[in-house]
């Protein structure tokens, strides 16, 4: 550890949050365990460079992302510590990272499938919103309480130039869905062999991951599989999401089955499965110092051409749109991998007073974990102009995840001028739909 970062242990940010322990560092950044009134948090400090405001804008955009397998960002900004100006971002605390497990042993085939389920869900969500993860690797796959999540602080819009990142960078050197797929392929090799692919060195990989890895590590991004194609290969139609639902529950109190999180806590070596040899991935080129593309990179559907080193099962993903789609008030961003959203029903009882309703954006996979009806009540203070000025959780229900989504959605409701006061918005979640109703004080 460098002396500069070490001396920050025990100091506090401007809001009083104390940096408890240095967890990791690089020449330009460091990650600390911190504490505040709500518990443990991760704080990342970054030395500012030209374009620091752009980094803050990226973190603010990432904070608006919400998915059960994506690390939440709570706050970001500037601070001064030990006489040096820093950028900081506050995130959920991950008790352990996957790379820590890999120092002890590789994952088994079953454990790798369990790990991949949540990763694919989170990546699919990011790509559907025109955002690339851009830094997928074992150190950014974390155990957060009882759930596996991937980091979000490195998320970038499609088309941004990437920093050199060794084998994890795709040859094209820009952020896109195919570039994330390349990083996923490198991660798969490392997870199953404890070492990322190196030029000229064959790596034995068990099936079905040998085929998936070859399809991820195409030099041509057009030839790489998409996230839905990988999901279909590992979890065929009718089984998709089964492993994720078995191991990771979004409702507090649901049983946690033994799976990859057990590997995070109790490392153990398992028997070696039959393997095949994966040709080494090409060494990625360092991206040229060119400005980022002005237009988003549109992901093209992979052709059915077979890669030179393997037979690719390039079955297309199920056609989108077979599940009902939630109607949104604001136009959704371009979605190269469109995913169906859960049906929802908005408030009708207060139609004369409610001008705009916002329903939580929940993936169907999350709703399918609910048994019965999950209810959340959010109190909102409405000013005389009809805007929501503040929110409080009147009843959080059994799930902090759905409670957080409900409160964020409630902040965007709009009421008619003159309807000021404290309203109560009730959200109801079932495995099939979301309902929301608003009640003024006199109606409760």
Protein backbone atom coordinates (compact mmCIF):
# COMPACT_ATOMS: atom_id res chain seq x y z
CA UNK A 1 0.00 0.00 0.00
CA UNK A 2 1.29 3.46 -0.81
CA UNK A 3 1.83 5.77 2.16
CA UNK A 4 -0.48 8.41 0.69
CA UNK A 5 -3.54 6.17 0.57
CA UNK A 6 -2.69 4.53 3.91
CA UNK A 7 -2.66 7.85 5.74
CA UNK A 8 -6.30 8.44 4.75
CA UNK A 9 -7.50 5.55 6.93
CA UNK A 10 -9.50 6.99 9.81
CA UNK A 11 -10.17 10.34 8.13
CA UNK A 12 -13.68 11.52 7.30
CA UNK A 13 -15.36 12.98 4.24
CA UNK A 14 -17.13 16.32 4.46
CA UNK A 15 -20.43 14.60 5.34
CA UNK A 16 -18.84 12.82 8.32
CA UNK A 17 -18.52 9.43 6.65
CA UNK A 18 -15.33 7.83 8.04
CA UNK A 19 -12.85 5.86 5.93
CA UNK A 20 -12.27 2.73 8.01
CA UNK A 21 -9.88 0.59 5.98
CA UNK A 22 -8.06 0.64 2.65
CA UNK A 23 -9.30 -2.26 0.52
CA UNK A 24 -7.35 -1.75 -2.69
CA UNK A 25 -5.48 0.82 -4.71
CA UNK A 26 -4.00 1.82 -8.05
CA UNK A 27 -1.76 4.80 -8.92
CA UNK A 28 -4.79 7.06 -9.48
CA UNK A 29 -7.50 5.59 -7.24
CA UNK A 30 -8.19 3.73 -4.01
CA UNK A 31 -11.16 1.88 -2.52
CA UNK A 32 -12.03 2.10 1.18
CA UNK A 33 -14.46 0.46 3.56
CA UNK A 34 -16.44 3.29 5.13
CA UNK A 35 -19.27 3.55 7.63
CA UNK A 36 -22.25 5.85 8.03
CA UNK A 37 -25.56 5.85 9.87
CA UNK A 38 -26.98 3.20 7.52
CA UNK A 39 -24.09 0.75 7.79
CA UNK A 40 -21.06 -0.22 5.76
CA UNK A 41 -20.34 1.43 2.44
CA UNK A 42 -17.59 1.32 -0.18
CA UNK A 43 -15.97 4.65 -1.03
CA UNK A 44 -13.81 4.99 -4.12
CA UNK A 45 -11.42 7.95 -4.29
CA UNK A 46 -9.99 9.05 -7.64
CA UNK A 47 -7.29 11.63 -8.32
CA UNK A 48 -8.93 14.21 -10.64
CA UNK A 49 -7.70 14.43 -14.22
CA UNK A 50 -8.72 16.69 -17.12
CA UNK A 51 -12.39 16.03 -17.73
CA UNK A 52 -13.19 15.30 -14.06
CA UNK A 53 -16.68 16.77 -14.47
CA UNK A 54 -17.33 14.18 -17.13
CA UNK A 55 -16.50 11.40 -14.65
CA UNK A 56 -18.88 12.89 -12.09
CA UNK A 57 -21.62 13.02 -14.73
CA UNK A 58 -21.03 9.34 -15.50
CA UNK A 59 -21.37 8.40 -11.83
CA UNK A 60 -24.55 10.44 -11.55
CA UNK A 61 -25.97 8.64 -14.58
CA UNK A 62 -24.92 5.26 -13.13
CA UNK A 63 -26.69 6.15 -9.85
CA UNK A 64 -29.98 6.23 -11.77
CA UNK A 65 -29.53 2.62 -12.89
CA UNK A 66 -31.43 0.10 -10.79
CA UNK A 67 -31.19 -3.68 -11.00
CA UNK A 68 -31.06 -6.37 -8.28
CA UNK A 69 -27.69 -7.60 -9.56
CA UNK A 70 -26.09 -4.18 -10.04
CA UNK A 71 -24.16 -2.46 -7.22
CA UNK A 72 -26.05 0.70 -6.20
CA UNK A 73 -24.37 4.11 -6.20
CA UNK A 74 -25.61 6.41 -3.42
CA UNK A 75 -23.57 9.58 -3.81
CA UNK A 76 -20.65 11.14 -5.69
CA UNK A 77 -18.82 14.46 -5.71
CA UNK A 78 -15.59 16.26 -4.82
CA UNK A 79 -13.75 16.34 -1.52
CA UNK A 80 -10.37 17.38 -0.11
CA UNK A 81 -8.34 14.91 1.95
CA UNK A 82 -4.79 15.33 3.22
CA UNK A 83 -4.58 18.54 1.24
CA UNK A 84 -5.42 16.86 -2.07
CA UNK A 85 -8.58 17.29 -4.12
CA UNK A 86 -10.37 14.00 -4.83
CA UNK A 87 -13.40 12.74 -6.67
CA UNK A 88 -15.39 10.25 -4.62
CA UNK A 89 -18.24 7.82 -5.18
CA UNK A 90 -20.15 5.98 -2.42
CA UNK A 91 -21.47 2.50 -3.25
CA UNK A 92 -22.90 -0.63 -1.67
CA UNK A 93 -20.33 -2.60 0.28
CA UNK A 94 -19.30 -5.95 -1.19
CA UNK A 95 -18.20 -8.39 1.49
CA UNK A 96 -16.10 -10.37 -0.96
CA UNK A 97 -15.07 -10.29 -4.61
CA UNK A 98 -14.86 -13.26 -6.94
CA UNK A 99 -11.13 -12.78 -7.54
CA UNK A 100 -10.55 -13.55 -3.84
CA UNK A 101 -12.13 -16.96 -4.32
CA UNK A 102 -10.01 -17.59 -7.41
CA UNK A 103 -6.81 -17.24 -5.39
CA UNK A 104 -7.89 -20.45 -3.63
CA UNK A 105 -9.47 -22.48 -6.43
CA UNK A 106 -11.42 -22.27 -9.71
CA UNK A 107 -15.20 -22.54 -9.77
CA UNK A 108 -16.90 -25.75 -10.79
CA UNK A 109 -19.16 -25.92 -13.86
CA UNK A 110 -22.31 -25.70 -11.72
CA UNK A 111 -20.95 -22.80 -9.68
CA UNK A 112 -19.99 -20.97 -12.86
CA UNK A 113 -23.53 -21.35 -14.21
CA UNK A 114 -24.90 -19.96 -10.93
CA UNK A 115 -22.49 -17.04 -11.09
CA UNK A 116 -23.28 -16.27 -14.73
CA UNK A 117 -27.05 -16.08 -14.28
CA UNK A 118 -27.05 -12.81 -12.28
CA UNK A 119 -24.20 -11.38 -14.40
CA UNK A 120 -26.13 -11.96 -17.63
CA UNK A 121 -29.27 -10.39 -16.17
CA UNK A 122 -27.37 -7.25 -15.11
CA UNK A 123 -25.50 -6.98 -18.43
CA UNK A 124 -28.74 -7.41 -20.38
CA UNK A 125 -30.28 -4.58 -18.34
CA UNK A 126 -27.31 -2.28 -19.01
CA UNK A 127 -27.26 -3.03 -22.74
CA UNK A 128 -31.01 -2.49 -23.04
CA UNK A 129 -30.41 1.02 -21.69
CA UNK A 130 -27.58 1.84 -24.11
CA UNK A 131 -24.86 1.42 -21.47
CA UNK A 132 -21.80 -0.85 -21.35
CA UNK A 133 -20.30 -2.16 -18.12
CA UNK A 134 -16.82 -1.57 -19.60
CA UNK A 135 -14.84 -3.18 -16.74
CA UNK A 136 -16.19 -6.70 -16.30
CA UNK A 137 -13.69 -8.93 -14.47
CA UNK A 138 -13.70 -11.16 -11.34
CA UNK A 139 -12.72 -8.28 -9.03
CA UNK A 140 -15.92 -6.46 -10.07
CA UNK A 141 -18.22 -9.42 -9.35
CA UNK A 142 -19.18 -9.05 -5.68
CA UNK A 143 -21.12 -10.69 -2.88
CA UNK A 144 -23.40 -7.99 -1.42
CA UNK A 145 -25.25 -9.43 1.57
CA UNK A 146 -27.13 -12.42 0.09
CA UNK A 147 -26.90 -11.42 -3.53
CA UNK A 148 -24.31 -11.50 -6.30
CA UNK A 149 -23.84 -8.14 -8.05
CA UNK A 150 -21.55 -6.56 -10.61
CA UNK A 151 -20.07 -3.09 -10.13
CA UNK A 152 -21.65 -0.07 -11.81
CA UNK A 153 -19.17 2.79 -11.27
CA UNK A 154 -17.40 2.09 -14.58
CA UNK A 155 -20.58 2.10 -16.70
CA UNK A 156 -20.21 4.05 -19.97
CA UNK A 157 -22.53 4.97 -22.83
CA UNK A 158 -21.91 3.00 -26.01
CA UNK A 159 -19.13 4.40 -28.17
CA UNK A 160 -16.74 5.71 -25.50
CA UNK A 161 -13.01 5.01 -25.86
CA UNK A 162 -11.81 2.56 -23.18
CA UNK A 163 -8.67 2.81 -21.11
CA UNK A 164 -6.16 0.01 -21.80
CA UNK A 165 -7.10 -2.91 -19.56
CA UNK A 166 -4.96 -5.84 -20.69
CA UNK A 167 -6.73 -9.00 -21.77
CA UNK A 168 -10.11 -7.70 -20.58
CA UNK A 169 -10.28 -5.06 -23.34
CA UNK A 170 -11.85 -6.08 -26.64
CA UNK A 171 -9.62 -5.42 -29.69
CA UNK A 172 -11.86 -2.60 -30.95
CA UNK A 173 -11.18 -0.57 -27.79
CA UNK A 174 -14.56 1.13 -27.39
CA UNK A 175 -17.51 0.57 -25.07
CA UNK A 176 -20.29 -1.56 -26.53
CA UNK A 177 -22.34 -4.67 -25.84
CA UNK A 178 -19.90 -6.85 -27.91
CA UNK A 179 -16.96 -5.40 -25.91
CA UNK A 180 -18.66 -6.51 -22.67
CA UNK A 181 -19.15 -9.96 -24.18
CA UNK A 182 -15.39 -10.13 -24.87
CA UNK A 183 -14.70 -9.23 -21.20
CA UNK A 184 -17.20 -11.90 -20.16
CA UNK A 185 -15.29 -14.49 -22.22
CA UNK A 186 -11.99 -13.53 -20.58
CA UNK A 187 -13.67 -13.69 -17.16
CA UNK A 188 -15.04 -17.15 -17.93
CA UNK A 189 -11.58 -18.44 -18.75
CA UNK A 190 -10.21 -16.98 -15.52
CA UNK A 191 -13.07 -18.29 -13.38
CA UNK A 192 -12.64 -21.85 -14.66
CA UNK A 193 -8.83 -21.94 -14.84
CA UNK A 194 -7.72 -19.30 -12.29
CA UNK A 195 -5.88 -17.44 -15.05
CA UNK A 196 -7.01 -15.12 -17.88
CA UNK A 197 -6.16 -16.26 -21.42
CA UNK A 198 -2.62 -15.53 -22.62
CA UNK A 199 -1.38 -15.43 -26.18
CA UNK A 200 0.10 -18.75 -27.28
CA UNK A 201 -1.01 -20.66 -24.18
CA UNK A 202 -3.94 -23.10 -24.57
CA UNK A 203 -6.31 -23.22 -21.59
CA UNK A 204 -8.43 -26.31 -20.79
CA UNK A 205 -12.08 -25.26 -20.33
CA UNK A 206 -14.98 -27.64 -19.58
CA UNK A 207 -18.09 -27.67 -21.74
CA UNK A 208 -20.48 -25.99 -22.27
CA UNK A 209 -18.20 -23.05 -21.52
CA UNK A 210 -15.58 -23.90 -24.13
CA UNK A 211 -18.08 -23.17 -26.90
CA UNK A 212 -19.38 -20.04 -25.14
CA UNK A 213 -15.85 -18.75 -24.56
CA UNK A 214 -14.85 -19.19 -28.20
CA UNK A 215 -18.01 -17.35 -29.26
CA UNK A 216 -17.20 -14.48 -26.86
CA UNK A 217 -13.55 -14.07 -27.91
CA UNK A 218 -14.02 -13.41 -31.62
CA UNK A 219 -11.80 -10.63 -32.91
CA UNK A 220 -14.75 -9.51 -35.03
CA UNK A 221 -17.40 -8.03 -32.70
CA UNK A 222 -20.13 -8.88 -35.20
CA UNK A 223 -19.35 -12.58 -34.79
CA UNK A 224 -19.57 -12.58 -31.01
CA UNK A 225 -22.65 -13.96 -29.36
CA UNK A 226 -25.08 -11.58 -27.67
CA UNK A 227 -26.14 -11.82 -24.03
CA UNK A 228 -29.50 -13.46 -24.97
CA UNK A 229 -27.65 -16.06 -27.08
CA UNK A 230 -25.34 -16.94 -24.18
CA UNK A 231 -28.32 -17.15 -21.82
CA UNK A 232 -30.16 -19.42 -24.25
CA UNK A 233 -27.12 -21.69 -24.54
CA UNK A 234 -26.69 -22.09 -20.78
CA UNK A 235 -30.38 -21.93 -19.83
CA UNK A 236 -32.52 -23.14 -22.76
CA UNK A 237 -36.08 -21.89 -23.20
CA UNK A 238 -38.17 -22.93 -20.25
CA UNK A 239 -35.15 -22.96 -17.93
CA UNK A 240 -33.94 -19.37 -18.36
CA UNK A 241 -33.48 -17.67 -15.03
CA UNK A 242 -34.05 -20.88 -13.07
CA UNK A 243 -30.61 -20.97 -11.46
CA UNK A 244 -30.77 -17.29 -10.64
CA UNK A 245 -34.17 -17.63 -8.99
CA UNK A 246 -32.97 -20.67 -7.05
CA UNK A 247 -29.94 -18.99 -5.54
CA UNK A 248 -30.78 -15.29 -5.36
CA UNK A 249 -34.07 -14.17 -3.85
CA UNK A 250 -35.22 -10.57 -3.98
CA UNK A 251 -37.73 -10.92 -1.12
CA UNK A 252 -36.14 -10.95 2.33
CA UNK A 253 -36.76 -14.20 4.16
CA UNK A 254 -36.74 -16.44 1.07
CA UNK A 255 -34.55 -19.52 1.38
CA UNK A 256 -30.99 -19.13 0.05
CA UNK A 257 -29.98 -22.28 -1.80
CA UNK A 258 -26.37 -23.46 -1.80
CA UNK A 259 -24.64 -22.05 -4.87
CA UNK A 260 -21.91 -19.67 -5.88
CA UNK A 261 -22.26 -17.53 -2.73
CA UNK A 262 -21.31 -20.59 -0.73
CA UNK A 263 -18.11 -20.60 -2.75
CA UNK A 264 -17.56 -17.00 -1.66
CA UNK A 265 -17.75 -18.01 2.00
CA UNK A 266 -16.45 -21.60 2.15
CA UNK A 267 -13.80 -22.14 -0.55
CA UNK A 268 -13.34 -25.77 -1.43
CA UNK A 269 -11.75 -27.69 -4.28
CA UNK A 270 -13.96 -29.95 -6.38
CA UNK A 271 -13.12 -32.69 -8.85
CA UNK A 272 -11.92 -31.67 -12.29
CA UNK A 273 -14.42 -32.02 -15.12
CA UNK A 274 -13.49 -33.26 -18.60
CA UNK A 275 -11.97 -30.41 -20.54
CA UNK A 276 -11.34 -29.20 -24.04
CA UNK A 277 -8.68 -26.79 -25.16
CA UNK A 278 -9.68 -23.25 -25.99
CA UNK A 279 -7.45 -21.49 -28.52
CA UNK A 280 -5.84 -18.43 -26.91
CA UNK A 281 -7.53 -15.11 -27.47
CA UNK A 282 -5.75 -12.54 -29.58
CA UNK A 283 -3.87 -9.89 -27.61
CA UNK A 284 -6.14 -6.81 -27.60
CA UNK A 285 -4.73 -3.70 -29.18
CA UNK A 286 -4.38 -0.49 -27.21
CA UNK A 287 -7.08 1.91 -28.43
CA UNK A 288 -5.75 4.92 -30.36
CA UNK A 289 -6.04 8.32 -28.70
CA UNK A 290 -9.05 9.37 -30.70
CA UNK A 291 -12.10 11.20 -29.35
CA UNK A 292 -15.13 9.04 -28.49
CA UNK A 293 -17.61 8.33 -31.23
CA UNK A 294 -20.39 10.87 -31.32
CA UNK A 295 -23.07 8.36 -32.14
CA UNK A 296 -23.92 5.24 -30.10
CA UNK A 297 -22.60 2.02 -31.47
CA UNK A 298 -25.54 -0.01 -32.72
CA UNK A 299 -25.10 -3.65 -31.99
CA UNK A 300 -25.67 -5.68 -35.12
CA UNK A 301 -27.11 -9.11 -35.03
CA UNK A 302 -24.34 -11.73 -35.33
CA UNK A 303 -24.22 -13.58 -38.59
CA UNK A 304 -24.42 -17.32 -38.68
CA UNK A 305 -20.84 -17.62 -39.88
CA UNK A 306 -18.82 -20.06 -37.80
CA UNK A 307 -15.64 -18.94 -36.04
CA UNK A 308 -12.48 -20.56 -37.41
CA UNK A 309 -11.73 -22.41 -34.18
CA UNK A 310 -15.10 -23.77 -33.13
CA UNK A 311 -18.60 -24.74 -34.11
CA UNK A 312 -20.85 -21.96 -32.82
CA UNK A 313 -24.40 -22.75 -31.85
CA UNK A 314 -25.67 -19.35 -32.98
CA UNK A 315 -29.30 -19.89 -32.20
CA UNK A 316 -31.01 -16.52 -32.07
CA UNK A 317 -32.46 -15.31 -28.82
CA UNK A 318 -36.24 -15.55 -28.41
CA UNK A 319 -37.95 -12.74 -30.31
CA UNK A 320 -38.62 -9.76 -28.05
CA UNK A 321 -42.11 -8.49 -27.47
CA UNK A 322 -43.78 -11.76 -26.52
CA UNK A 323 -44.35 -10.45 -23.01
CA UNK A 324 -46.47 -7.31 -22.48
CA UNK A 325 -44.38 -4.14 -22.47
CA UNK A 326 -44.80 -1.38 -19.88
CA UNK A 327 -45.74 1.93 -21.42
CA UNK A 328 -43.38 4.69 -20.31
CA UNK A 329 -44.11 8.43 -20.36
CA UNK A 330 -40.60 9.32 -21.50
CA UNK A 331 -39.23 7.69 -24.66
CA UNK A 332 -36.93 4.79 -23.83
CA UNK A 333 -33.35 4.79 -25.12
CA UNK A 334 -32.40 2.65 -28.10
CA UNK A 335 -32.27 -0.96 -27.00
CA UNK A 336 -29.99 -3.19 -29.07
CA UNK A 337 -31.10 -6.17 -27.04
CA UNK A 338 -34.73 -5.43 -26.32
CA UNK A 339 -36.02 -7.19 -23.24
CA UNK A 340 -39.70 -7.50 -22.37
CA UNK A 341 -40.79 -5.63 -19.28
CA UNK A 342 -43.37 -6.59 -16.72
CA UNK A 343 -46.97 -5.44 -17.22
CA UNK A 344 -48.11 -2.75 -14.83
CA UNK A 345 -51.28 -0.97 -13.83
CA UNK A 346 -51.23 2.63 -12.65
CA UNK A 347 -53.53 4.59 -10.37
CA UNK A 348 -57.08 5.11 -11.48
CA UNK A 349 -58.74 6.13 -8.20
CA UNK A 350 -57.00 9.55 -8.11
CA UNK A 351 -57.23 10.21 -11.84
CA UNK A 352 -58.56 13.73 -11.20
CA UNK A 353 -55.59 14.71 -9.04
CA UNK A 354 -52.69 12.72 -10.44
CA UNK A 355 -51.19 14.22 -13.59
CA UNK A 356 -48.17 11.96 -14.03
CA UNK A 357 -47.54 8.51 -12.59
CA UNK A 358 -44.22 6.70 -12.50
CA UNK A 359 -44.16 2.92 -12.04
CA UNK A 360 -41.02 1.11 -10.87
CA UNK A 361 -38.98 -0.42 -13.70
CA UNK A 362 -38.69 -4.06 -12.68
CA UNK A 363 -37.46 -6.89 -14.88
CA UNK A 364 -39.84 -9.86 -15.27
CA UNK A 365 -37.17 -12.13 -13.73
CA UNK A 366 -37.42 -10.16 -10.48
CA UNK A 367 -41.21 -10.25 -10.37
CA UNK A 368 -41.25 -14.00 -10.90
CA UNK A 369 -39.55 -14.49 -7.53
CA UNK A 370 -42.59 -13.03 -5.70
CA UNK A 371 -45.14 -15.30 -4.08
CA UNK A 372 -48.48 -13.64 -3.36
CA UNK A 373 -48.55 -9.83 -3.22
CA UNK A 374 -45.71 -7.61 -2.01
CA UNK A 375 -46.91 -4.20 -0.77
CA UNK A 376 -44.98 -0.97 -0.24
CA UNK A 377 -46.43 2.36 0.94
CA UNK A 378 -44.63 5.64 0.27
CA UNK A 379 -45.68 8.93 1.84
CA UNK A 380 -45.10 11.95 -0.42
CA UNK A 381 -45.32 15.64 0.41
CA UNK A 382 -46.86 17.51 -2.53
CA UNK A 383 -46.37 21.27 -2.85
CA UNK A 384 -48.99 23.69 -4.15
CA UNK A 385 -47.63 23.37 -7.69
CA UNK A 386 -48.28 19.63 -7.62
CA UNK A 387 -44.65 18.50 -7.41
CA UNK A 388 -43.37 15.89 -4.96
CA UNK A 389 -41.01 17.73 -2.60
CA UNK A 390 -40.08 14.81 -0.32
CA UNK A 391 -40.77 11.12 0.26
CA UNK A 392 -40.75 8.76 3.23
CA UNK A 393 -41.30 5.03 3.44
CA UNK A 394 -44.58 4.55 5.29
CA UNK A 395 -44.25 0.76 5.01
CA UNK A 396 -41.19 -0.79 3.37
CA UNK A 397 -42.56 -4.32 3.19
CA UNK A 398 -40.24 -7.35 3.29
CA UNK A 399 -37.82 -6.26 0.53
CA UNK A 400 -35.43 -3.31 0.64
CA UNK A 401 -34.93 -3.68 -3.11
CA UNK A 402 -38.62 -3.14 -3.98
CA UNK A 403 -38.96 -0.48 -1.27
CA UNK A 404 -36.11 1.51 -2.86
CA UNK A 405 -37.61 1.19 -6.34
CA UNK A 406 -40.99 2.35 -5.02
CA UNK A 407 -39.59 5.42 -3.29
CA UNK A 408 -37.57 6.44 -6.36
CA UNK A 409 -40.63 6.05 -8.59
CA UNK A 410 -42.80 8.07 -6.17
CA UNK A 411 -40.45 11.07 -6.44
CA UNK A 412 -41.41 11.44 -10.10
CA UNK A 413 -45.17 11.60 -9.60
CA UNK A 414 -46.92 14.85 -10.51
CA UNK A 415 -50.22 16.10 -9.07
CA UNK A 416 -52.59 18.88 -10.13
CA UNK A 417 -51.83 22.37 -8.79
CA UNK A 418 -53.66 22.94 -5.53
CA UNK A 419 -53.54 19.24 -4.54
CA UNK A 420 -50.77 19.92 -2.01
CA UNK A 421 -50.44 17.97 1.19
CA UNK A 422 -49.23 14.56 2.26
CA UNK A 423 -50.40 11.83 -0.09
CA UNK A 424 -49.87 8.10 0.30
CA UNK A 425 -48.87 6.06 -2.76
CA UNK A 426 -49.44 2.31 -2.50
CA UNK A 427 -47.42 -0.02 -4.72
CA UNK A 428 -48.42 -3.67 -5.09
CA UNK A 429 -46.14 -6.22 -6.78
CA UNK A 430 -47.16 -9.69 -7.92
CA UNK A 431 -45.40 -12.19 -10.12
CA UNK A 432 -47.36 -10.85 -13.11
CA UNK A 433 -47.81 -7.09 -12.65
CA UNK A 434 -47.27 -3.87 -10.69
CA UNK A 435 -50.15 -1.73 -9.44
CA UNK A 436 -50.04 1.76 -7.94
CA UNK A 437 -52.74 3.90 -6.29
CA UNK A 438 -52.56 7.31 -4.63
CA UNK A 439 -54.70 8.36 -1.68
CA UNK A 440 -54.98 11.89 -0.24
CA UNK A 441 -55.02 12.27 3.58
CA UNK A 442 -58.81 12.30 3.86
CA UNK A 443 -59.14 8.99 1.95
CA UNK A 444 -56.86 6.81 4.08
